[in-house]
C-alpha atoms as a PDB file:
ATOM      1  CA  MET A   1       3.860  12.108   7.608  1.00  0.00           C
ATOM      2  CA  ASP A   2       0.060  11.967   7.257  1.00  0.00           C
ATOM      3  CA  SER A   3       0.012  11.106   3.588  1.00  0.00           C
ATOM      4  CA  LEU A   4       2.439   8.101   4.112  1.00  0.00           C
ATOM      5  CA  LEU A   5       0.609   6.750   7.158  1.00  0.00           C
ATOM      6  CA  GLN A   6      -2.701   6.949   5.188  1.00  0.00           C
ATOM      7  CA  GLU A   7      -1.236   4.671   2.461  1.00  0.00           C
ATOM      8  CA  ILE A   8      -0.959   2.239   5.267  1.00  0.00           C
ATOM      9  CA  THR A   9      -4.370   2.768   6.848  1.00  0.00           C
ATOM     10  CA  ILE A  10      -6.185   2.412   3.330  1.00  0.00           C
ATOM     11  CA  LEU A  11      -5.003  -1.279   3.382  1.00  0.00           C
ATOM     12  CA  PRO A  12      -7.938  -3.875   3.612  1.00  0.00           C
ATOM     13  CA  GLY A  13      -8.229  -4.717   7.458  1.00  0.00           C
ATOM     14  CA  VAL A  14      -5.933  -2.090   8.867  1.00  0.00           C
ATOM     15  CA  LEU A  15      -7.535  -0.066  11.589  1.00  0.00           C
ATOM     16  CA  GLY A  16      -4.881   2.440  12.237  1.00  0.00           C
ATOM     17  CA  CYS A  17      -1.067   3.111  12.616  1.00  0.00           C
ATOM     18  CA  PHE A  18       1.317   5.462  14.368  1.00  0.00           C
ATOM     19  CA  VAL A  19       5.161   6.247  14.471  1.00  0.00           C
ATOM     20  CA  PHE A  20       6.947   6.074  17.793  1.00  0.00           C
ATOM     21  CA  ASN A  21      10.385   7.716  17.490  1.00  0.00           C
ATOM     22  CA  SER A  22      13.746   7.073  19.448  1.00  0.00           C
ATOM     23  CA  GLU A  23      12.792  10.029  21.890  1.00  0.00           C
ATOM     24  CA  GLN A  24       9.742   8.043  22.895  1.00  0.00           C
ATOM     25  CA  GLN A  25       7.438  10.499  21.126  1.00  0.00           C
ATOM     26  CA  ILE A  26       4.620  10.060  18.863  1.00  0.00           C
ATOM     27  CA  ALA A  27       6.067  11.362  15.536  1.00  0.00           C
ATOM     28  CA  GLY A  28       2.895  10.689  13.393  1.00  0.00           C
ATOM     29  CA  SER A  29      -0.576   9.119  13.825  1.00  0.00           C
ATOM     30  CA  LYS A  30      -3.420   7.663  12.053  1.00  0.00           C
ATOM     31  CA  MET A  31      -5.273   6.130  14.617  1.00  0.00           C
ATOM     32  CA  PRO A  32      -9.168   5.854  15.229  1.00  0.00           C
ATOM     33  CA  PRO A  33     -10.622   8.455  17.440  1.00  0.00           C
ATOM     34  CA  ILE A  34     -11.107   5.903  20.258  1.00  0.00           C
ATOM     35  CA  PHE A  35      -7.405   6.039  21.001  1.00  0.00           C
ATOM     36  CA  LYS A  36      -6.667   8.966  22.691  1.00  0.00           C
ATOM     37  CA  GLU A  37      -2.922  10.517  22.618  1.00  0.00           C
ATOM     38  CA  ASN A  38      -2.249   9.372  26.163  1.00  0.00           C
ATOM     39  CA  SER A  39      -3.371   5.814  25.224  1.00  0.00           C
ATOM     40  CA  ILE A  40      -1.197   5.893  22.175  1.00  0.00           C
ATOM     41  CA  GLN A  41       1.751   7.094  24.119  1.00  0.00           C
ATOM     42  CA  THR A  42       1.253   4.242  26.775  1.00  0.00           C
ATOM     43  CA  ILE A  43       1.203   1.647  23.866  1.00  0.00           C
ATOM     44  CA  GLY A  44       4.457   3.132  22.293  1.00  0.00           C
ATOM     45  CA  ASN A  45       6.366   3.035  25.801  1.00  0.00           C
ATOM     46  CA  LEU A  46       5.286  -0.472  26.566  1.00  0.00           C
ATOM     47  CA  LEU A  47       6.442  -1.716  23.091  1.00  0.00           C
ATOM     48  CA  ASN A  48       9.650   0.415  23.116  1.00  0.00           C
ATOM     49  CA  ARG A  49      10.537  -1.357  26.649  1.00  0.00           C
ATOM     50  CA  THR A  50       9.806  -4.633  25.250  1.00  0.00           C
ATOM     51  CA  ILE A  51      12.176  -4.038  22.427  1.00  0.00           C
ATOM     52  CA  GLN A  52      14.863  -2.776  24.723  1.00  0.00           C
ATOM     53  CA  ILE A  53      14.637  -5.938  26.810  1.00  0.00           C
ATOM     54  CA  GLY A  54      15.264  -7.991  23.667  1.00  0.00           C
ATOM     55  CA  ASN A  55      18.047  -5.892  22.654  1.00  0.00           C
ATOM     56  CA  MET A  56      19.807  -6.586  26.229  1.00  0.00           C
ATOM     57  CA  ALA A  57      19.365 -10.248  25.323  1.00  0.00           C
ATOM     58  CA  GLN A  58      20.981  -9.518  22.047  1.00  0.00           C
ATOM     59  CA  LEU A  59      18.031 -10.448  20.070  1.00  0.00           C
ATOM     60  CA  ASP A  60      17.872  -8.962  16.508  1.00  0.00           C
ATOM     61  CA  PHE A  61      14.468  -7.219  16.388  1.00  0.00           C
ATOM     62  CA  LYS A  62      13.051  -7.484  12.818  1.00  0.00           C
ATOM     63  CA  GLY A  63       9.208  -7.249  13.787  1.00  0.00           C
ATOM     64  CA  ILE A  64       6.839  -8.253  16.314  1.00  0.00           C
ATOM     65  CA  GLU A  65       3.155  -9.343  16.256  1.00  0.00           C
ATOM     66  CA  PHE A  66       0.729  -9.547  19.112  1.00  0.00           C
ATOM     67  CA  LYS A  67      -2.494 -11.473  18.303  1.00  0.00           C
ATOM     68  CA  TYR A  68      -5.774 -10.833  20.226  1.00  0.00           C
ATOM     69  CA  ASN A  69      -9.079 -12.116  19.795  1.00  0.00           C
ATOM     70  CA  GLU A  70     -10.275  -8.980  17.957  1.00  0.00           C
ATOM     71  CA  SER A  71      -7.109  -7.323  16.703  1.00  0.00           C
ATOM     72  CA  LEU A  72      -3.842  -7.965  15.484  1.00  0.00           C
ATOM     73  CA  LEU A  73      -0.873  -5.564  16.595  1.00  0.00           C
ATOM     74  CA  VAL A  74       2.113  -5.333  14.007  1.00  0.00           C
ATOM     75  CA  ILE A  75       5.277  -3.571  15.110  1.00  0.00           C
ATOM     76  CA  LYS A  76       7.971  -2.888  12.399  1.00  0.00           C
ATOM     77  CA  PRO A  77      11.226  -1.306  12.887  1.00  0.00           C
ATOM     78  CA  LEU A  78      11.952   2.193  11.021  1.00  0.00           C
ATOM     79  CA  PRO A  79      15.004   4.086  10.432  1.00  0.00           C
ATOM     80  CA  GLN A  80      16.617   6.176  13.354  1.00  0.00           C
ATOM     81  CA  GLN A  81      15.339   3.398  15.768  1.00  0.00           C
ATOM     82  CA  ALA A  82      11.885   4.485  15.323  1.00  0.00           C
ATOM     83  CA  LEU A  83       8.897   2.061  15.475  1.00  0.00           C
ATOM     84  CA  LEU A  84       5.958   1.700  13.261  1.00  0.00           C
ATOM     85  CA  ILE A  85       2.953   0.233  15.112  1.00  0.00           C
ATOM     86  CA  ILE A  86      -0.238  -1.025  13.133  1.00  0.00           C
ATOM     87  CA  ILE A  87      -3.349  -2.156  14.540  1.00  0.00           C
ATOM     88  CA  CYS A  88      -5.285  -4.572  12.153  1.00  0.00           C
ATOM     89  CA  GLU A  89      -8.174  -6.997  12.195  1.00  0.00           C
ATOM     90  CA  PRO A  90      -7.023 -10.594  13.143  1.00  0.00           C
ATOM     91  CA  ASN A  91      -7.142 -11.941   9.564  1.00  0.00           C
ATOM     92  CA  THR A  92      -5.401  -9.049   7.784  1.00  0.00           C
ATOM     93  CA  ASN A  93      -2.980 -10.052   4.910  1.00  0.00           C
ATOM     94  CA  LYS A  94       0.298  -9.656   6.614  1.00  0.00           C
ATOM     95  CA  SER A  95       2.256 -10.128   3.435  1.00  0.00           C
ATOM     96  CA  LEU A  96       0.603  -7.025   1.894  1.00  0.00           C
ATOM     97  CA  ILE A  97       1.432  -4.968   5.155  1.00  0.00           C
ATOM     98  CA  SER A  98       4.902  -6.075   4.923  1.00  0.00           C
ATOM     99  CA  MET A  99       5.376  -5.251   1.257  1.00  0.00           C
ATOM    100  CA  THR A 100       3.686  -1.595   1.806  1.00  0.00           C
ATOM    101  CA  THR A 101       5.563  -0.803   4.962  1.00  0.00           C
ATOM    102  CA  GLY A 102       8.902  -1.982   3.256  1.00  0.00           C
ATOM    103  CA  MET A 103       8.250   0.342   0.486  1.00  0.00           C
ATOM    104  CA  LEU A 104       7.467   3.217   2.690  1.00  0.00           C
ATOM    105  CA  ALA A 105       9.951   2.852   5.514  1.00  0.00           C
ATOM    106  CA  GLU A 106      12.652   4.946   3.974  1.00  0.00           C
ATOM    107  CA  ASP A 107      10.176   7.766   3.026  1.00  0.00           C
ATOM    108  CA  ILE A 108       8.775   7.708   6.735  1.00  0.00           C
ATOM    109  CA  GLY A 109      12.317   8.000   8.007  1.00  0.00           C
ATOM    110  CA  LYS A 110      13.069  11.001   5.843  1.00  0.00           C
ATOM    111  CA  ALA A 111       9.684  12.521   6.991  1.00  0.00           C
ATOM    112  CA  MET A 112      10.852  12.466  10.612  1.00  0.00           C
ATOM    113  CA  SER A 113      14.115  14.284   9.786  1.00  0.00           C
ATOM    114  CA  ASN A 114      12.363  16.861   7.464  1.00  0.00           C
ATOM    115  CA  PRO A 115       8.696  16.978   8.279  1.00  0.00           C
ATOM    116  CA  MET A 116       8.028  19.886   5.956  1.00  0.00           C
ATOM    117  CA  ALA A 117       9.250  18.117   2.939  1.00  0.00           C
ATOM    118  CA  TYR A 118       6.347  15.444   3.408  1.00  0.00           C
ATOM    119  CA  SER A 119       3.651  17.752   4.855  1.00  0.00           C
ATOM    120  CA  ALA A 120       1.638  17.179   1.413  1.00  0.00           C
ATOM    121  CA  PRO A 121       1.995  14.823  -1.437  1.00  0.00           C
ATOM    122  CA  ASN A 122       3.756  16.219  -4.608  1.00  0.00           C
ATOM    123  CA  GLN A 123       1.220  16.910  -7.405  1.00  0.00           C
ATOM    124  CA  PRO A 124       2.558  16.039 -10.808  1.00  0.00           C
ATOM    125  CA  ALA A 125       2.470  18.773 -13.461  1.00  0.00           C
ATOM    126  CA  ALA A 126      -0.351  18.625 -15.865  1.00  0.00           C
ATOM    127  CA  PRO A 127       0.544  17.578 -19.362  1.00  0.00           C
ATOM    128  CA  LYS A 128       0.952  20.149 -22.032  1.00  0.00           C
ATOM    129  CA  SER A 129      -0.444  19.925 -25.553  1.00  0.00           C
ATOM    130  CA  SER A 130       2.035  20.302 -28.262  1.00  0.00           C
ATOM    131  CA  PRO A 131       1.636  23.667 -30.126  1.00  0.00           C
ATOM    132  CA  THR A 132       2.366  22.052 -33.475  1.00  0.00           C
ATOM    133  CA  THR A 133       0.190  19.122 -33.161  1.00  0.00           C
ATOM    134  CA  PRO A 134      -3.624  18.898 -33.034  1.00  0.00           C
ATOM    135  CA  ALA A 135      -4.974  17.641 -29.736  1.00  0.00           C
ATOM    136  CA  SER A 136      -6.950  15.170 -31.891  1.00  0.00           C
ATOM    137  CA  GLN A 137      -3.724  13.610 -33.191  1.00  0.00           C
ATOM    138  CA  GLN A 138      -1.970  13.396 -29.999  1.00  0.00           C
ATOM    139  CA  GLU A 139      -1.161  10.013 -28.809  1.00  0.00           C
ATOM    140  CA  LYS A 140      -3.225   9.068 -25.831  1.00  0.00           C
ATOM    141  CA  PRO A 141      -2.466   5.955 -23.186  1.00  0.00           C
ATOM    142  CA  THR A 142      -5.149   3.311 -23.376  1.00  0.00           C
ATOM    143  CA  ASP A 143      -7.113   3.516 -20.171  1.00  0.00           C
ATOM    144  CA  LEU A 144     -10.381   2.426 -18.841  1.00  0.00           C
ATOM    145  CA  ALA A 145     -12.226   5.325 -20.562  1.00  0.00           C
ATOM    146  CA  GLU A 146     -11.207   4.043 -23.886  1.00  0.00           C
ATOM    147  CA  ILE A 147     -12.661   0.523 -23.380  1.00  0.00           C
ATOM    148  CA  ASP A 148     -16.320  -0.584 -23.832  1.00  0.00           C
ATOM    149  CA  ALA A 149     -18.495  -0.491 -20.848  1.00  0.00           C
ATOM    150  CA  GLU A 150     -18.787  -4.179 -20.396  1.00  0.00           C
ATOM    151  CA  LEU A 151     -14.973  -4.682 -20.229  1.00  0.00           C
ATOM    152  CA  ALA A 152     -14.500  -1.519 -18.191  1.00  0.00           C
ATOM    153  CA  GLN A 153     -16.722  -2.788 -15.351  1.00  0.00           C
ATOM    154  CA  VAL A 154     -14.722  -5.998 -15.346  1.00  0.00           C
ATOM    155  CA  LEU A 155     -11.284  -4.214 -15.369  1.00  0.00           C
ATOM    156  CA  GLU A 156     -12.607  -2.081 -12.327  1.00  0.00           C
ATOM    157  CA  LYS A 157     -13.124  -5.450 -10.325  1.00  0.00           C
ATOM    158  CA  VAL A 158      -9.606  -6.687 -11.426  1.00  0.00           C
ATOM    159  CA  LYS A 159      -8.162  -3.372 -10.092  1.00  0.00           C
ATOM    160  CA  ASP A 160      -9.878  -4.114  -6.878  1.00  0.00           C
ATOM    161  CA  ALA A 161      -8.588  -7.523  -6.691  1.00  0.00           C
ATOM    162  CA  LEU A 162      -4.982  -6.195  -7.369  1.00  0.00           C
ATOM    163  CA  ALA A 163      -5.457  -3.734  -4.636  1.00  0.00           C
ATOM    164  CA  MET A 164      -6.005  -6.511  -2.134  1.00  0.00           C
ATOM    165  CA  ALA A 165      -2.643  -7.888  -3.338  1.00  0.00           C
ATOM    166  CA  ILE A 166      -0.335  -4.822  -3.565  1.00  0.00           C
ATOM    167  CA  GLY A 167      -2.363  -2.081  -1.889  1.00  0.00           C
ATOM    168  CA  PRO A 168      -2.520   1.618  -2.894  1.00  0.00           C
ATOM    169  CA  ILE A 169      -0.188   1.167  -5.781  1.00  0.00           C
ATOM    170  CA  ALA A 170      -2.802  -0.715  -7.558  1.00  0.00           C
ATOM    171  CA  ALA A 171      -4.175   2.006  -9.649  1.00  0.00           C
ATOM    172  CA  PRO A 172      -0.895   3.200 -11.421  1.00  0.00           C
ATOM    173  CA  VAL A 173       0.381  -0.446 -11.929  1.00  0.00           C
ATOM    174  CA  MET A 174      -3.107  -1.185 -13.389  1.00  0.00           C
ATOM    175  CA  LYS A 175      -2.938   1.700 -15.898  1.00  0.00           C
ATOM    176  CA  ASP A 176       0.627   0.945 -16.955  1.00  0.00           C
ATOM    177  CA  VAL A 177      -0.137  -2.722 -17.532  1.00  0.00           C
ATOM    178  CA  ILE A 178      -3.338  -2.101 -19.254  1.00  0.00           C
ATOM    179  CA  GLU A 179      -1.256  -0.035 -21.869  1.00  0.00           C
ATOM    180  CA  LEU A 180       1.047  -2.946 -22.262  1.00  0.00           C
ATOM    181  CA  TRP A 181      -1.723  -5.276 -22.649  1.00  0.00           C
ATOM    182  CA  ALA A 182      -3.320  -3.133 -25.181  1.00  0.00           C
ATOM    183  CA  LYS A 183      -0.090  -3.192 -27.270  1.00  0.00           C
ATOM    184  CA  GLN A 184      -0.448  -7.158 -27.552  1.00  0.00           C
ATOM    185  CA  GLY A 185      -3.784  -6.853 -29.124  1.00  0.00           C
ATOM    186  CA  SER A 186      -7.228  -5.627 -28.992  1.00  0.00           C
ATOM    187  CA  PRO A 187      -8.310  -5.665 -25.198  1.00  0.00           C
ATOM    188  CA  SER A 188     -11.204  -7.935 -24.630  1.00  0.00           C
ATOM    189  CA  LEU A 189     -12.859 -10.476 -22.137  1.00  0.00           C
ATOM    190  CA  ALA A 190     -11.167 -13.281 -24.324  1.00  0.00           C
ATOM    191  CA  THR A 191      -7.645 -11.737 -23.537  1.00  0.00           C
ATOM    192  CA  LEU A 192      -8.119 -11.338 -19.667  1.00  0.00           C
ATOM    193  CA  PRO A 193      -5.828 -14.303 -19.074  1.00  0.00           C
ATOM    194  CA  ALA A 194      -2.909 -12.316 -20.630  1.00  0.00           C
ATOM    195  CA  LEU A 195      -3.788  -9.249 -18.642  1.00  0.00           C
ATOM    196  CA  ALA A 196      -3.737 -11.369 -15.377  1.00  0.00           C
ATOM    197  CA  GLU A 197      -0.472 -12.865 -16.294  1.00  0.00           C
ATOM    198  CA  LEU A 198       0.936  -9.404 -16.766  1.00  0.00           C
ATOM    199  CA  LEU A 199      -0.403  -8.257 -13.336  1.00  0.00           C
ATOM    200  CA  CYS A 200       0.997 -11.348 -11.515  1.00  0.00           C
ATOM    201  CA  ALA A 201       4.544 -10.359 -12.841  1.00  0.00           C
ATOM    202  CA  GLU A 202       3.970  -6.984 -11.103  1.00  0.00           C
ATOM    203  CA  ILE A 203       2.883  -8.540  -7.809  1.00  0.00           C
ATOM    204  CA  ASN A 204       6.007 -10.923  -7.646  1.00  0.00           C
ATOM    205  CA  ASP A 205       4.938 -12.799  -4.621  1.00  0.00           C
ATOM    206  CA  GLU A 206       3.835 -16.462  -4.823  1.00  0.00           C
ATOM    207  CA  ASN A 207       1.048 -16.318  -2.306  1.00  0.00           C
ATOM    208  CA  LEU A 208      -0.268 -12.957  -3.239  1.00  0.00           C
ATOM    209  CA  GLU A 209      -0.327 -14.079  -6.897  1.00  0.00           C
ATOM    210  CA  LYS A 210      -2.505 -17.116  -5.888  1.00  0.00           C
ATOM    211  CA  GLY A 211      -4.975 -14.963  -3.754  1.00  0.00           C
ATOM    212  CA  PHE A 212      -5.195 -12.616  -6.848  1.00  0.00           C
ATOM    213  CA  MET A 213      -5.764 -15.278  -9.437  1.00  0.00           C
ATOM    214  CA  THR A 214      -8.386 -16.696  -7.039  1.00  0.00           C
ATOM    215  CA  GLU A 215     -10.162 -13.456  -7.084  1.00  0.00           C
ATOM    216  CA  ILE A 216      -9.725 -13.214 -10.947  1.00  0.00           C
ATOM    217  CA  LYS A 217     -11.627 -16.599 -11.422  1.00  0.00           C
ATOM    218  CA  THR A 218     -14.495 -15.395  -9.441  1.00  0.00           C
ATOM    219  CA  ILE A 219     -14.622 -12.273 -11.591  1.00  0.00           C
ATOM    220  CA  THR A 220     -14.472 -13.924 -15.072  1.00  0.00           C
ATOM    221  CA  GLY A 221     -16.620 -16.823 -13.949  1.00  0.00           C
END
């Protein structure tokens, strides 16, 4: 559960989050130290009652937002009638939060049912060298380490801009798209527009794409 909630808290502008289950208990928390457990429990209880009142009025709960002067409270429904409660800065990118929580909702539900299965992230097995093929002849994917220093610095900034749009999955997406970009021709500053176009296809959200392209223009001048 901790690793799943950590993926939310690393989003730009997110201050913390916690899961409140149907038994009115804290199922997982990644909140700042200033929030003590009893305070988090009180927040969860109050929000749960608010949603129950809505249910009594036959209102379909899809999410709630409370905007304060210095923070934004976002509540998302989870499987098993649980709640995901996120505390953010007022101007946080809500589209990015919705995209990330949408991808993680099912896994968080599974983590509540089987906490041990999500106690630590799975580590991929290390790739093995072929015994019949010399290491120097093995095909390697194109990555930042194989690109000249000037272009590599620009691509790091592009990856940061992508993270603002799609969150923690930016790194693996960037790696895959760079490989595809390299197959189209020699990677260079001149062909960055082609890379940006490929990345926009991965973002697949008009508003987030516009924000991403604005960042790209500031990077490329």
